[in-house]
């Protein structure tokens, strides 16, 4: 489980490409971030839960299989790109964002960015079948960051970002056309699905 509180941004040092498979090697954001990290541990990359397969100093490797490459933005990344990272939550940790599984449902395209002093508003386009789970003031995971939904318009929604979020995550440099990983809040999904089933049964 993850909290959606991004702990740092890690640079991709190397990529090993194979058929429908790739290995990412990242540089730890800091020595402290890697303290106690072991092979087999779970680390979210742009919100996608990946397993540590190798540790060599500050370089940490992760394998990405076909389904991960299909559903997320990780397959489009190149050496030198940076990803939001969060280590798995431990029992007793403060949940500063909202509970997240690290299972990406889809990507959403950045369709508009509005910058103003000390603020950034980013608009995303999402598949219509997922928009029913996107509610004003609800939670959503975007590239691993737990964020509050601002406004909803048709198949678009926005989030409003403060300087701290812009400094700690990749959301400070996303641009129109960027494909962001999306994790829908599971509680919202469960409620919406339950209500839809009950209403359908009454018809």
Protein backbone atom coordinates (compact mmCIF):
# COMPACT_ATOMS: atom_id res chain seq x y z
CA UNK A 1 0.00 0.00 0.00
CA UNK A 2 1.07 3.58 -0.65
CA UNK A 3 -0.11 6.94 0.64
CA UNK A 4 0.28 9.10 -2.47
CA UNK A 5 2.80 11.34 -0.72
CA UNK A 6 5.68 11.41 -3.20
CA UNK A 7 8.99 11.05 -1.36
CA UNK A 8 11.27 12.19 -4.14
CA UNK A 9 12.05 12.27 -7.84
CA UNK A 10 14.47 9.67 -9.19
CA UNK A 11 16.46 9.87 -12.42
CA UNK A 12 16.45 6.91 -14.81
CA UNK A 13 20.10 5.91 -15.26
CA UNK A 14 19.67 3.01 -17.69
CA UNK A 15 17.02 1.01 -19.56
CA UNK A 16 17.41 -2.57 -20.74
CA UNK A 17 14.85 -3.23 -23.52
CA UNK A 18 13.59 -6.72 -24.39
CA UNK A 19 10.50 -7.96 -26.19
CA UNK A 20 7.44 -6.73 -24.21
CA UNK A 21 9.73 -6.24 -21.20
CA UNK A 22 12.14 -3.65 -19.88
CA UNK A 23 14.30 -3.03 -16.84
CA UNK A 24 14.62 0.45 -15.36
CA UNK A 25 17.64 1.44 -13.30
CA UNK A 26 17.07 4.55 -11.19
CA UNK A 27 19.30 6.66 -8.96
CA UNK A 28 18.01 6.94 -5.40
CA UNK A 29 16.76 10.46 -4.60
CA UNK A 30 19.06 10.50 -1.54
CA UNK A 31 21.10 8.08 0.59
CA UNK A 32 18.53 8.35 3.38
CA UNK A 33 15.74 7.36 0.99
CA UNK A 34 17.44 4.04 0.31
CA UNK A 35 18.09 3.15 3.95
CA UNK A 36 16.95 -0.43 4.58
CA UNK A 37 15.78 -0.94 1.00
CA UNK A 38 16.09 -4.59 -0.03
CA UNK A 39 15.57 -6.74 -3.12
CA UNK A 40 11.88 -7.67 -3.23
CA UNK A 41 10.68 -4.40 -1.72
CA UNK A 42 7.86 -2.46 -3.38
CA UNK A 43 8.47 1.06 -4.71
CA UNK A 44 5.96 3.13 -6.66
CA UNK A 45 7.21 4.73 -9.90
CA UNK A 46 4.80 7.43 -11.08
CA UNK A 47 2.25 5.61 -8.92
CA UNK A 48 2.91 2.13 -10.37
CA UNK A 49 3.98 -0.51 -7.84
CA UNK A 50 7.27 -2.13 -8.91
CA UNK A 51 9.54 -4.65 -7.20
CA UNK A 52 13.22 -4.03 -6.49
CA UNK A 53 15.25 -6.62 -8.41
CA UNK A 54 18.79 -5.36 -7.82
CA UNK A 55 20.66 -2.80 -5.71
CA UNK A 56 24.15 -1.59 -6.61
CA UNK A 57 25.09 1.41 -4.53
CA UNK A 58 22.69 4.21 -5.36
CA UNK A 59 21.43 2.39 -8.49
CA UNK A 60 18.23 0.36 -8.06
CA UNK A 61 16.71 -1.89 -10.75
CA UNK A 62 13.06 -2.73 -11.45
CA UNK A 63 11.45 -4.99 -14.07
CA UNK A 64 8.43 -3.86 -16.12
CA UNK A 65 6.30 -6.54 -17.78
CA UNK A 66 3.96 -6.30 -20.76
CA UNK A 67 0.85 -5.24 -18.81
CA UNK A 68 2.75 -2.49 -16.99
CA UNK A 69 4.08 -1.14 -20.29
CA UNK A 70 0.58 -1.23 -21.79
CA UNK A 71 -1.29 0.53 -18.99
CA UNK A 72 1.22 3.11 -17.75
CA UNK A 73 3.49 5.88 -18.99
CA UNK A 74 6.64 4.03 -17.88
CA UNK A 75 7.25 2.43 -21.28
CA UNK A 76 7.59 5.87 -22.88
CA UNK A 77 10.30 7.08 -20.51
CA UNK A 78 13.92 7.43 -21.57
CA UNK A 79 17.30 7.60 -19.86
CA UNK A 80 17.54 10.94 -18.07
CA UNK A 81 13.81 11.20 -17.41
CA UNK A 82 12.68 11.36 -13.80
CA UNK A 83 9.91 9.53 -11.97
CA UNK A 84 8.00 10.20 -8.77
CA UNK A 85 8.92 7.55 -6.20
CA UNK A 86 7.37 6.39 -2.95
CA UNK A 87 8.34 3.43 -0.81
CA UNK A 88 5.59 1.14 0.46
CA UNK A 89 3.80 2.32 3.59
CA UNK A 90 4.59 0.53 6.84
CA UNK A 91 2.22 -0.26 9.67
CA UNK A 92 1.95 2.81 11.86
CA UNK A 93 2.97 5.30 9.14
CA UNK A 94 0.97 8.50 8.87
CA UNK A 95 -1.39 8.43 5.88
CA UNK A 96 -0.98 11.99 4.66
CA UNK A 97 -2.70 11.44 1.31
CA UNK A 98 -5.12 8.55 0.74
CA UNK A 99 -4.67 4.79 0.57
CA UNK A 100 -3.37 3.76 -2.85
CA UNK A 101 -2.61 0.29 -4.22
CA UNK A 102 -0.06 1.21 -6.88
CA UNK A 103 -2.26 -0.41 -9.55
CA UNK A 104 -2.64 2.00 -12.47
CA UNK A 105 -6.01 1.90 -14.25
CA UNK A 106 -5.20 4.10 -17.26
CA UNK A 107 -3.35 7.20 -18.37
CA UNK A 108 -4.84 10.66 -18.78
CA UNK A 109 -3.58 13.24 -21.26
CA UNK A 110 -2.65 16.72 -20.04
CA UNK A 111 -4.82 18.99 -22.18
CA UNK A 112 -4.25 22.38 -20.52
CA UNK A 113 -1.85 23.97 -18.02
CA UNK A 114 -2.63 27.28 -16.32
CA UNK A 115 0.24 28.86 -14.43
CA UNK A 116 -0.11 31.81 -12.06
CA UNK A 117 2.08 33.11 -9.21
CA UNK A 118 2.57 30.29 -6.65
CA UNK A 119 -0.06 28.11 -8.30
CA UNK A 120 -0.47 25.72 -11.19
CA UNK A 121 -3.73 24.26 -12.47
CA UNK A 122 -3.44 21.20 -14.70
CA UNK A 123 -6.34 19.81 -16.75
CA UNK A 124 -6.52 16.19 -17.84
CA UNK A 125 -8.62 14.27 -20.37
CA UNK A 126 -9.69 10.82 -19.18
CA UNK A 127 -11.61 7.97 -20.80
CA UNK A 128 -15.39 8.49 -20.40
CA UNK A 129 -15.88 5.13 -18.66
CA UNK A 130 -13.57 6.26 -15.84
CA UNK A 131 -14.93 9.79 -15.49
CA UNK A 132 -17.90 8.55 -13.44
CA UNK A 133 -15.41 7.99 -10.61
CA UNK A 134 -13.98 11.51 -10.87
CA UNK A 135 -15.92 13.78 -8.53
CA UNK A 136 -15.29 17.37 -7.47
CA UNK A 137 -13.35 17.42 -4.17
CA UNK A 138 -12.74 13.66 -4.42
CA UNK A 139 -9.33 11.98 -4.40
CA UNK A 140 -7.31 10.76 -7.36
CA UNK A 141 -3.78 9.45 -7.84
CA UNK A 142 -1.83 11.21 -10.61
CA UNK A 143 1.66 9.85 -11.32
CA UNK A 144 1.65 8.58 -7.75
CA UNK A 145 0.63 11.86 -6.09
CA UNK A 146 -2.54 11.90 -4.01
CA UNK A 147 -4.47 14.96 -5.15
CA UNK A 148 -7.86 16.57 -4.66
CA UNK A 149 -9.96 17.01 -7.78
CA UNK A 150 -10.77 20.65 -8.48
CA UNK A 151 -13.35 20.93 -11.26
CA UNK A 152 -14.97 18.39 -13.57
CA UNK A 153 -16.15 19.23 -17.11
CA UNK A 154 -17.35 16.39 -19.31
CA UNK A 155 -14.33 14.15 -19.88
CA UNK A 156 -11.95 16.69 -18.32
CA UNK A 157 -10.93 17.41 -14.75
CA UNK A 158 -8.31 19.59 -13.09
CA UNK A 159 -6.11 19.63 -10.02
CA UNK A 160 -4.66 22.70 -8.32
CA UNK A 161 -1.03 22.41 -7.27
CA UNK A 162 0.78 24.29 -4.51
CA UNK A 163 4.52 25.13 -4.61
CA UNK A 164 5.41 22.18 -2.33
CA UNK A 165 3.81 19.69 -4.73
CA UNK A 166 5.49 21.36 -7.70
CA UNK A 167 8.88 21.16 -5.98
CA UNK A 168 8.59 17.52 -4.83
CA UNK A 169 7.03 15.88 -7.90
CA UNK A 170 7.14 15.79 -11.69
CA UNK A 171 3.92 17.84 -11.85
CA UNK A 172 5.98 21.01 -11.93
CA UNK A 173 7.16 20.27 -15.46
CA UNK A 174 4.37 18.24 -17.09
CA UNK A 175 3.14 19.81 -20.32
CA UNK A 176 0.24 19.53 -22.75
CA UNK A 177 0.39 16.07 -24.28
CA UNK A 178 1.97 14.38 -21.25
CA UNK A 179 0.32 11.07 -20.37
CA UNK A 180 -0.07 10.75 -16.60
CA UNK A 181 -0.70 7.52 -14.72
CA UNK A 182 -4.11 7.46 -13.04
CA UNK A 183 -5.27 5.48 -10.02
CA UNK A 184 -8.91 5.98 -9.14
CA UNK A 185 -9.72 6.19 -5.42
CA UNK A 186 -10.93 2.63 -4.61
CA UNK A 187 -13.51 3.82 -2.07
CA UNK A 188 -15.04 6.17 -4.63
CA UNK A 189 -15.09 3.38 -7.20
CA UNK A 190 -16.77 0.97 -4.77
CA UNK A 191 -19.46 3.49 -3.84
CA UNK A 192 -20.23 4.48 -7.43
CA UNK A 193 -20.35 0.86 -8.61
CA UNK A 194 -22.64 -0.12 -5.70
CA UNK A 195 -25.04 2.75 -6.32
CA UNK A 196 -25.18 1.97 -10.04
CA UNK A 197 -25.95 -1.71 -9.33
CA UNK A 198 -28.71 -0.84 -6.85
CA UNK A 199 -30.33 1.64 -9.24
CA UNK A 200 -30.12 -0.81 -12.13
CA UNK A 201 -31.80 -3.54 -10.01
CA UNK A 202 -34.73 -1.23 -9.23
CA UNK A 203 -35.51 -0.53 -12.88
